[in-house]
Amino acid sequence: MTRTVFRDVRIFDGHRVPSDDTVVVEDGRIEAIGHGLAVPAGAEVVEGKGCTVLPGLIDAHTHIVGAALRQALAWGVTTELDMANFPDKMAAAKKEQDGPLGSSLADLRSACCAATVPGGHGSARFPEIPTLTEPEEAADFVDARIAEGSDYIKVHYDDGQVSGHMDDSTLPVIRKETMAAVIAAARERGMLTIVHTGTVQAGLDAVEAGAHGLAHLLVDRAPGPEFGETLARHGAFAIPTLSMVELFSGSSELGTLADDPAVAGRLAPEDLALLERHRAGNARRLPVDVAAAETAVRSAHAAGVPLLAGTDAVMWLHGISLHRELELLVRAGLTPRESLTAATANPARIFSLSDRGRIAPGLRADLLLVAGDPTLNIRATRAIRGIWKRGAKVTRQF
């Protein structure tokens, strides 16, 4: 039996900061939280004065490439929700979770192959992935995704605004009727459905067709309050991915991320090179509107739409980009506490990860200890003092 006690620590439990100051972990699970609890014999004691312990972070939109799961965990991101990838690669990554490498990798869920048309978003670059065109194909398509191990269903209902400009091309788009048929088939089978959209109208189309959530708040114009009200009326959630919008915008401010002492020495060379391109104004720019995306977040937030923190990280900045996402959500109008909930309790609830995302007895001891109080200053999440996955302390590897 292994026990760890976090003592004299501020606790963010996924929603609030209770008056408790002690967390007891036993064999990978949270055994108790309370005030001044006794330290069991033989327990390892983590002194937390001046620090905050919070649930391990959940990135609700990533694409796993290379060492992504290792990099994510090194920044306290204990779970990554992949939003489109190759099934064999995802199966192998999940299998690693139970092997000797599992303690050094973030946990993983995946949509595997997303629904798209031939030559469309995703399939233009990877023509070998399965596609569909007609509504009548939807049920078989969804059944095949479930069989390949998809944990939820992703649909690309994208007008090519961004992805087309990446290749200087115009991409075909799945028809609204086909998207709706995929959503209906997924719902019939009890599967959560997330839709990638690139415009305000596409986002409205998706939620009106029954999508559970939007994979981005990537919009072509600043929406009014009716945008968020429509999402709320249909019970939809949204993953804004503001950090991806910032990245695509070529923002020079993004380059200053490497100036943070808590960050600078802990980035891969390719990440540092990316940030330097942004700082120098040499980063590739795509037609995205950061201000419009922030307005979409404010519209959704004002209407009470559940927001989930996600980064759309692919080749760069896995892990640290989620900390930037939290900061951008606060800039867009969330409180620091709401931003933290967007990276913990909200994704855990919506994606049925009932064993994590909160600090409560019986849940997994996926924990992050940081200096300071991120419920007041969101940048405090970067000041990491320790990471635990299933109660085992993680060695931060970069």
Protein backbone atom coordinates (compact mmCIF):
# COMPACT_ATOMS: atom_id res chain seq x y z
CA MET A 1 0.00 0.00 0.00
CA THR A 2 1.39 3.42 -0.97
CA ARG A 3 0.13 6.65 0.52
CA THR A 4 0.87 10.28 -0.21
CA VAL A 5 -0.44 13.19 1.86
CA PHE A 6 -0.60 16.74 0.53
CA ARG A 7 -0.56 18.90 3.64
CA ASP A 8 -1.24 22.58 4.27
CA VAL A 9 -2.20 23.10 0.62
CA ARG A 10 -4.84 25.14 -1.20
CA ILE A 11 -7.22 22.81 -3.09
CA PHE A 12 -9.03 23.54 -6.33
CA ASP A 13 -11.41 20.58 -6.63
CA GLY A 14 -12.50 21.14 -10.24
CA HIS A 15 -15.19 23.69 -9.40
CA ARG A 16 -14.27 25.60 -6.27
CA VAL A 17 -11.72 26.11 -3.52
CA PRO A 18 -12.99 24.39 -0.37
CA SER A 19 -11.71 25.19 3.11
CA ASP A 20 -9.95 21.80 3.25
CA ASP A 21 -6.15 21.81 3.33
CA THR A 22 -5.20 18.11 3.14
CA VAL A 23 -5.48 15.44 0.44
CA VAL A 24 -4.74 11.80 1.23
CA VAL A 25 -3.91 9.47 -1.67
CA GLU A 26 -3.84 5.71 -1.35
CA ASP A 27 -2.85 3.26 -4.10
CA GLY A 28 -3.55 5.66 -6.94
CA ARG A 29 -6.89 6.94 -5.65
CA ILE A 30 -7.91 9.92 -3.55
CA GLU A 31 -8.80 8.46 -0.18
CA ALA A 32 -9.86 11.62 1.65
CA ILE A 33 -9.83 15.39 1.65
CA GLY A 34 -10.30 17.45 4.77
CA HIS A 35 -8.83 19.93 7.19
CA GLY A 36 -5.77 18.96 9.20
CA LEU A 37 -6.18 15.23 8.59
CA ALA A 38 -3.77 12.92 10.38
CA VAL A 39 -0.86 11.58 8.37
CA PRO A 40 -1.03 7.77 8.15
CA ALA A 41 2.06 5.88 9.21
CA GLY A 42 4.55 5.44 6.39
CA ALA A 43 2.91 8.01 4.11
CA GLU A 44 4.99 10.32 1.97
CA VAL A 45 4.24 13.92 2.93
CA VAL A 46 4.16 16.71 0.35
CA GLU A 47 4.31 20.07 2.08
CA GLY A 48 2.06 22.43 0.14
CA LYS A 49 2.29 25.77 1.91
CA GLY A 50 1.84 28.54 -0.65
CA CYS A 51 0.85 26.03 -3.33
CA THR A 52 -2.36 24.82 -4.95
CA VAL A 53 -3.22 21.24 -5.83
CA LEU A 54 -5.67 20.76 -8.66
CA PRO A 55 -6.89 17.87 -10.81
CA GLY A 56 -4.62 16.78 -13.63
CA LEU A 57 -5.45 18.88 -16.68
CA ILE A 58 -7.45 17.52 -19.62
CA ASP A 59 -6.75 18.82 -23.14
CA ALA A 60 -10.07 18.38 -24.93
CA HIS A 61 -8.69 18.75 -28.47
CA THR A 62 -5.35 17.35 -29.60
CA HIS A 63 -3.84 15.21 -32.32
CA ILE A 64 -1.22 12.78 -31.05
CA VAL A 65 2.06 12.94 -32.99
CA GLY A 66 5.47 11.69 -31.88
CA ALA A 67 6.21 12.34 -28.22
CA ALA A 68 2.98 14.26 -27.63
CA LEU A 69 1.73 12.17 -24.71
CA ARG A 70 5.07 12.42 -22.91
CA GLN A 71 5.30 16.17 -23.50
CA ALA A 72 1.73 16.70 -22.34
CA LEU A 73 2.23 14.86 -19.07
CA ALA A 74 5.36 16.87 -18.35
CA TRP A 75 3.12 19.96 -18.22
CA GLY A 76 0.50 18.40 -15.95
CA VAL A 77 -1.85 17.41 -18.78
CA THR A 78 -2.73 13.92 -17.55
CA THR A 79 -5.41 13.20 -20.22
CA GLU A 80 -5.51 14.09 -23.92
CA LEU A 81 -8.61 13.80 -26.09
CA ASP A 82 -7.43 13.16 -29.64
CA MET A 83 -9.82 14.51 -32.28
CA ALA A 84 -8.82 12.50 -35.38
CA ASN A 85 -6.03 10.04 -35.96
CA PHE A 86 -5.13 6.63 -37.35
CA PRO A 87 -6.84 3.74 -35.51
CA ASP A 88 -3.78 1.48 -35.35
CA LYS A 89 -1.69 4.29 -33.92
CA MET A 90 -4.33 5.06 -31.30
CA ALA A 91 -4.69 1.39 -30.34
CA ALA A 92 -0.93 1.11 -29.84
CA ALA A 93 -0.82 4.31 -27.77
CA LYS A 94 -3.65 3.09 -25.54
CA LYS A 95 -1.92 -0.25 -25.06
CA GLU A 96 1.17 1.57 -23.83
CA GLN A 97 -0.86 3.00 -20.97
CA ASP A 98 -0.79 -0.35 -19.18
CA GLY A 99 2.86 -1.05 -19.95
CA PRO A 100 6.11 0.14 -18.37
CA LEU A 101 5.91 3.46 -20.25
CA GLY A 102 2.40 4.26 -19.04
CA SER A 103 3.52 6.25 -16.03
CA SER A 104 5.34 8.72 -18.30
CA LEU A 105 2.48 9.27 -20.76
CA ALA A 106 -0.77 11.20 -20.59
CA ASP A 107 -3.89 9.05 -20.75
CA LEU A 108 -5.60 8.96 -24.14
CA ARG A 109 -9.03 8.86 -25.77
CA SER A 110 -9.58 9.30 -29.51
CA ALA A 111 -12.13 9.83 -32.26
CA CYS A 112 -9.87 7.85 -34.62
CA CYS A 113 -11.04 8.55 -38.20
CA ALA A 114 -13.27 11.61 -38.55
CA ALA A 115 -16.21 11.73 -40.97
CA THR A 116 -15.26 13.58 -44.15
CA VAL A 117 -15.73 13.38 -47.91
CA PRO A 118 -13.15 12.22 -50.50
CA GLY A 119 -10.63 15.00 -51.01
CA GLY A 120 -12.01 16.96 -48.05
CA HIS A 121 -10.61 18.10 -44.74
CA GLY A 122 -8.30 15.33 -43.59
CA SER A 123 -8.74 13.05 -46.58
CA ALA A 124 -7.07 15.51 -48.95
CA ARG A 125 -3.82 14.96 -47.08
CA PHE A 126 -4.46 11.32 -46.13
CA PRO A 127 -6.50 9.79 -48.99
CA GLU A 128 -6.34 6.33 -47.42
CA ILE A 129 -8.71 7.21 -44.56
CA PRO A 130 -12.37 6.14 -44.84
CA THR A 131 -14.82 8.69 -46.25
CA LEU A 132 -18.53 8.98 -47.05
CA THR A 133 -20.73 11.17 -49.20
CA GLU A 134 -24.38 10.15 -48.79
CA PRO A 135 -26.66 10.08 -45.74
CA GLU A 136 -27.42 6.41 -46.41
CA GLU A 137 -23.78 5.57 -45.66
CA ALA A 138 -23.84 7.14 -42.20
CA ALA A 139 -24.89 4.14 -40.08
CA ASP A 140 -22.25 1.84 -41.57
CA PHE A 141 -19.65 4.60 -41.24
CA VAL A 142 -20.37 5.08 -37.54
CA ASP A 143 -20.40 1.32 -36.91
CA ALA A 144 -16.99 1.05 -38.54
CA ARG A 145 -15.62 3.85 -36.32
CA ILE A 146 -16.90 2.11 -33.21
CA ALA A 147 -15.33 -1.14 -34.37
CA GLU A 148 -11.95 0.53 -34.89
CA GLY A 149 -11.96 1.77 -31.29
CA SER A 150 -13.31 5.32 -31.50
CA ASP A 151 -14.33 6.70 -28.12
CA TYR A 152 -16.52 9.38 -29.73
CA ILE A 153 -17.39 10.52 -33.25
CA LYS A 154 -15.83 13.52 -35.01
CA VAL A 155 -17.26 15.15 -38.16
CA HIS A 156 -15.46 17.59 -40.45
CA TYR A 157 -18.13 20.04 -41.61
CA ASP A 158 -15.60 22.54 -42.84
CA ASP A 159 -15.89 25.01 -45.68
CA GLY A 160 -12.13 24.97 -46.24
CA GLN A 161 -11.61 28.46 -44.84
CA VAL A 162 -8.41 27.47 -43.03
CA SER A 163 -7.44 24.04 -44.27
CA GLY A 164 -7.94 25.03 -47.89
CA HIS A 165 -5.69 28.05 -47.55
CA MET A 166 -3.01 25.84 -46.02
CA ASP A 167 -2.71 24.09 -49.38
CA ASP A 168 -3.91 27.00 -51.53
CA SER A 169 -6.89 24.96 -52.60
CA THR A 170 -10.64 24.66 -52.26
CA LEU A 171 -11.79 21.55 -50.48
CA PRO A 172 -15.10 19.73 -50.91
CA VAL A 173 -17.31 19.66 -47.84
CA ILE A 174 -19.60 17.01 -46.40
CA ARG A 175 -23.23 17.92 -47.09
CA LYS A 176 -25.42 19.13 -44.26
CA GLU A 177 -27.78 16.15 -44.72
CA THR A 178 -24.89 13.68 -44.49
CA MET A 179 -23.49 15.39 -41.40
CA ALA A 180 -26.93 15.20 -39.78
CA ALA A 181 -27.21 11.50 -40.65
CA VAL A 182 -23.82 10.77 -39.04
CA ILE A 183 -24.87 12.64 -35.89
CA ALA A 184 -28.18 10.77 -35.75
CA ALA A 185 -26.47 7.38 -36.20
CA ALA A 186 -23.95 8.22 -33.48
CA ARG A 187 -26.66 9.33 -31.07
CA GLU A 188 -28.61 6.12 -31.69
CA ARG A 189 -25.52 4.20 -30.63
CA GLY A 190 -24.88 6.33 -27.56
CA MET A 191 -21.80 8.03 -28.98
CA LEU A 192 -20.82 11.62 -28.30
CA THR A 193 -20.46 13.63 -31.53
CA ILE A 194 -18.16 16.62 -32.04
CA VAL A 195 -18.20 18.68 -35.24
CA HIS A 196 -15.33 20.68 -36.70
CA THR A 197 -16.63 23.89 -38.23
CA GLY A 198 -15.02 27.04 -39.61
CA THR A 199 -17.82 29.60 -39.77
CA VAL A 200 -20.62 30.89 -37.59
CA GLN A 201 -23.26 29.40 -39.88
CA ALA A 202 -21.53 26.00 -39.96
CA GLY A 203 -21.49 25.95 -36.18
CA LEU A 204 -25.19 26.73 -36.03
CA ASP A 205 -25.89 24.06 -38.67
CA ALA A 206 -24.02 21.48 -36.60
CA VAL A 207 -25.79 22.08 -33.29
CA GLU A 208 -29.18 22.36 -34.99
CA ALA A 209 -28.46 18.96 -36.56
CA GLY A 210 -27.97 17.51 -33.08
CA ALA A 211 -24.19 17.68 -32.54
CA HIS A 212 -23.22 17.44 -28.90
CA GLY A 213 -20.44 19.97 -29.33
CA LEU A 214 -18.21 22.07 -31.56
CA ALA A 215 -14.54 21.20 -31.94
CA HIS A 216 -13.60 24.88 -32.37
CA LEU A 217 -15.05 28.33 -32.07
CA LEU A 218 -13.23 29.20 -35.28
CA VAL A 219 -15.51 31.73 -36.91
CA ASP A 220 -15.49 33.91 -40.02
CA ARG A 221 -17.07 36.89 -38.26
CA ALA A 222 -17.84 38.07 -34.76
CA PRO A 223 -21.20 36.56 -33.79
CA GLY A 224 -23.85 38.21 -31.67
CA PRO A 225 -25.49 36.88 -28.52
CA GLU A 226 -27.82 34.67 -30.60
CA PHE A 227 -24.87 32.39 -31.42
CA GLY A 228 -24.33 31.37 -27.82
CA GLU A 229 -28.06 31.32 -27.18
CA THR A 230 -28.55 28.81 -30.01
CA LEU A 231 -25.80 26.57 -28.68
CA ALA A 232 -27.32 26.73 -25.20
CA ARG A 233 -30.83 26.00 -26.46
CA HIS A 234 -29.57 22.81 -28.11
CA GLY A 235 -27.53 21.79 -25.05
CA ALA A 236 -24.25 21.93 -26.95
CA PHE A 237 -20.75 22.46 -25.57
CA ALA A 238 -17.81 24.14 -27.29
CA ILE A 239 -14.03 23.71 -27.36
CA PRO A 240 -12.78 27.16 -28.39
CA THR A 241 -9.11 26.25 -29.22
CA LEU A 242 -8.11 29.91 -28.97
CA SER A 243 -4.46 28.87 -28.77
CA MET A 244 -4.76 27.30 -32.23
CA VAL A 245 -6.36 30.46 -33.59
CA GLU A 246 -3.52 32.50 -32.08
CA LEU A 247 -0.96 30.12 -33.61
CA PHE A 248 -2.50 30.34 -37.09
CA SER A 249 -2.74 34.13 -36.82
CA GLY A 250 1.04 34.39 -36.65
CA SER A 251 0.80 36.35 -33.39
CA SER A 252 4.10 37.85 -32.28
CA GLU A 253 2.79 37.81 -28.70
CA LEU A 254 2.86 34.00 -28.78
CA GLY A 255 6.63 34.24 -29.13
CA THR A 256 6.89 35.79 -25.68
CA LEU A 257 5.79 32.50 -24.12
CA ALA A 258 9.45 31.48 -24.09
CA ASP A 259 10.26 34.52 -21.90
CA ASP A 260 8.46 32.98 -18.92
CA PRO A 261 11.14 31.50 -16.60
CA ALA A 262 8.78 28.62 -15.79
CA VAL A 263 8.63 27.77 -19.49
CA ALA A 264 11.85 28.73 -21.26
CA GLY A 265 14.10 25.85 -20.25
CA ARG A 266 11.44 23.19 -20.65
CA LEU A 267 10.55 23.39 -24.34
CA ALA A 268 11.68 21.13 -27.17
CA PRO A 269 13.97 22.71 -29.79
CA GLU A 270 11.22 22.67 -32.40
CA ASP A 271 8.89 24.49 -30.00
CA LEU A 272 11.50 27.15 -29.31
CA ALA A 273 12.08 27.56 -33.04
CA LEU A 274 8.34 28.00 -33.61
CA LEU A 275 8.09 30.64 -30.89
CA GLU A 276 11.09 32.48 -32.30
CA ARG A 277 9.41 32.64 -35.73
CA HIS A 278 6.39 34.19 -34.09
CA ARG A 279 8.49 36.65 -32.11
CA ALA A 280 10.30 37.71 -35.30
CA GLY A 281 7.08 38.05 -37.29
CA ASN A 282 8.11 35.25 -39.67
CA ALA A 283 5.41 32.73 -38.73
CA ARG A 284 2.97 31.58 -41.36
CA ARG A 285 -0.32 33.47 -41.20
CA LEU A 286 -3.68 32.05 -42.14
CA PRO A 287 -7.03 33.83 -42.50
CA VAL A 288 -8.26 33.48 -38.93
CA ASP A 289 -9.79 36.21 -36.81
CA VAL A 290 -8.63 36.13 -33.19
CA ALA A 291 -11.02 38.90 -32.14
CA ALA A 292 -13.99 37.12 -33.73
CA ALA A 293 -13.09 33.87 -31.97
CA GLU A 294 -12.89 35.69 -28.64
CA THR A 295 -16.31 37.23 -29.32
CA ALA A 296 -17.69 33.74 -30.01
CA VAL A 297 -16.32 32.60 -26.63
CA ARG A 298 -17.98 35.55 -24.90
CA SER A 299 -21.28 34.83 -26.66
CA ALA A 300 -21.18 31.17 -25.61
CA HIS A 301 -20.05 31.96 -22.08
CA ALA A 302 -22.77 34.56 -21.56
CA ALA A 303 -25.39 32.00 -22.61
CA GLY A 304 -24.08 29.38 -20.17
CA VAL A 305 -22.64 27.05 -22.80
CA PRO A 306 -20.17 24.57 -21.23
CA LEU A 307 -16.67 25.47 -22.45
CA LEU A 308 -13.82 22.96 -22.60
CA ALA A 309 -10.15 23.87 -22.83
CA GLY A 310 -8.50 22.37 -25.90
CA THR A 311 -5.54 23.33 -28.04
CA ASP A 312 -5.68 21.42 -31.35
CA ALA A 313 -1.99 20.76 -30.73
CA VAL A 314 -0.49 18.65 -33.52
CA MET A 315 3.21 19.14 -34.24
CA TRP A 316 4.12 21.71 -31.58
CA LEU A 317 3.60 22.89 -28.03
CA HIS A 318 1.85 19.85 -26.56
CA GLY A 319 1.17 20.48 -22.89
CA ILE A 320 2.34 24.06 -22.56
CA SER A 321 -0.26 25.17 -25.13
CA LEU A 322 -3.03 24.17 -22.72
CA HIS A 323 -1.61 26.60 -20.15
CA ARG A 324 -1.70 29.27 -22.84
CA GLU A 325 -5.29 28.25 -23.67
CA LEU A 326 -6.29 28.84 -20.05
CA GLU A 327 -4.81 32.33 -20.21
CA LEU A 328 -6.62 33.10 -23.48
CA LEU A 329 -9.94 31.90 -22.06
CA VAL A 330 -9.51 34.33 -19.17
CA ARG A 331 -8.71 37.09 -21.65
CA ALA A 332 -11.95 36.21 -23.47
CA GLY A 333 -14.02 36.70 -20.34
CA LEU A 334 -13.85 33.58 -18.16
CA THR A 335 -12.69 33.90 -14.58
CA PRO A 336 -9.53 31.96 -13.73
CA ARG A 337 -11.66 29.48 -11.80
CA GLU A 338 -13.99 28.96 -14.77
CA SER A 339 -10.98 28.50 -17.01
CA LEU A 340 -9.60 25.80 -14.71
CA THR A 341 -12.98 24.05 -14.69
CA ALA A 342 -12.83 24.08 -18.50
CA ALA A 343 -9.65 22.00 -18.26
CA THR A 344 -10.77 19.63 -15.48
CA ALA A 345 -14.34 18.95 -14.39
CA ASN A 346 -16.08 20.04 -17.61
CA PRO A 347 -14.29 17.73 -20.06
CA ALA A 348 -14.39 14.88 -17.56
CA ARG A 349 -18.17 15.21 -17.23
CA ILE A 350 -18.94 15.70 -20.90
CA PHE A 351 -16.68 12.90 -22.12
CA SER A 352 -17.89 10.54 -19.35
CA LEU A 353 -14.48 10.32 -17.68
CA SER A 354 -16.15 9.82 -14.32
CA ASP A 355 -12.93 8.82 -12.52
CA ARG A 356 -11.04 12.10 -12.99
CA GLY A 357 -11.30 15.85 -13.46
CA ARG A 358 -12.11 16.56 -9.80
CA ILE A 359 -10.50 16.12 -6.41
CA ALA A 360 -12.90 13.93 -4.46
CA PRO A 361 -12.69 10.64 -2.57
CA GLY A 362 -12.60 7.59 -4.84
CA LEU A 363 -11.32 9.36 -7.94
CA ARG A 364 -7.99 8.82 -9.69
CA ALA A 365 -5.12 10.67 -8.10
CA ASP A 366 -4.17 12.54 -11.27
CA LEU A 367 -2.93 15.71 -9.61
CA LEU A 368 -0.99 18.87 -10.37
CA LEU A 369 0.75 20.94 -7.68
CA VAL A 370 1.66 24.53 -8.57
CA ALA A 371 3.12 27.46 -6.68
CA GLY A 372 0.70 30.29 -6.02
CA ASP A 373 -3.02 30.49 -6.65
CA PRO A 374 -4.19 29.92 -10.24
CA THR A 375 -7.77 30.76 -9.24
CA LEU A 376 -6.53 34.34 -8.91
CA ASN A 377 -3.66 34.39 -11.42
CA ILE A 378 -4.11 31.83 -14.18
CA ARG A 379 -0.43 31.96 -15.11
CA ALA A 380 0.34 30.20 -11.83
CA THR A 381 -0.51 26.89 -13.54
CA ARG A 382 2.88 27.09 -15.23
CA ALA A 383 4.79 27.16 -11.90
CA ILE A 384 4.69 23.38 -11.55
CA ARG A 385 6.01 21.84 -8.37
CA GLY A 386 4.88 18.29 -9.01
CA ILE A 387 2.71 16.03 -11.16
CA TRP A 388 1.12 12.75 -10.12
CA LYS A 389 -0.56 10.21 -12.37
CA ARG A 390 -2.59 7.53 -10.56
CA GLY A 391 -0.82 8.61 -7.39
CA ALA A 392 2.71 8.08 -8.76
CA LYS A 393 4.93 11.13 -9.04
CA VAL A 394 5.91 11.92 -12.60
CA THR A 395 9.47 12.65 -13.59
CA ARG A 396 9.23 15.64 -15.89
CA GLN A 397 11.00 14.72 -19.14
CA PHE A 398 11.62 17.12 -21.97
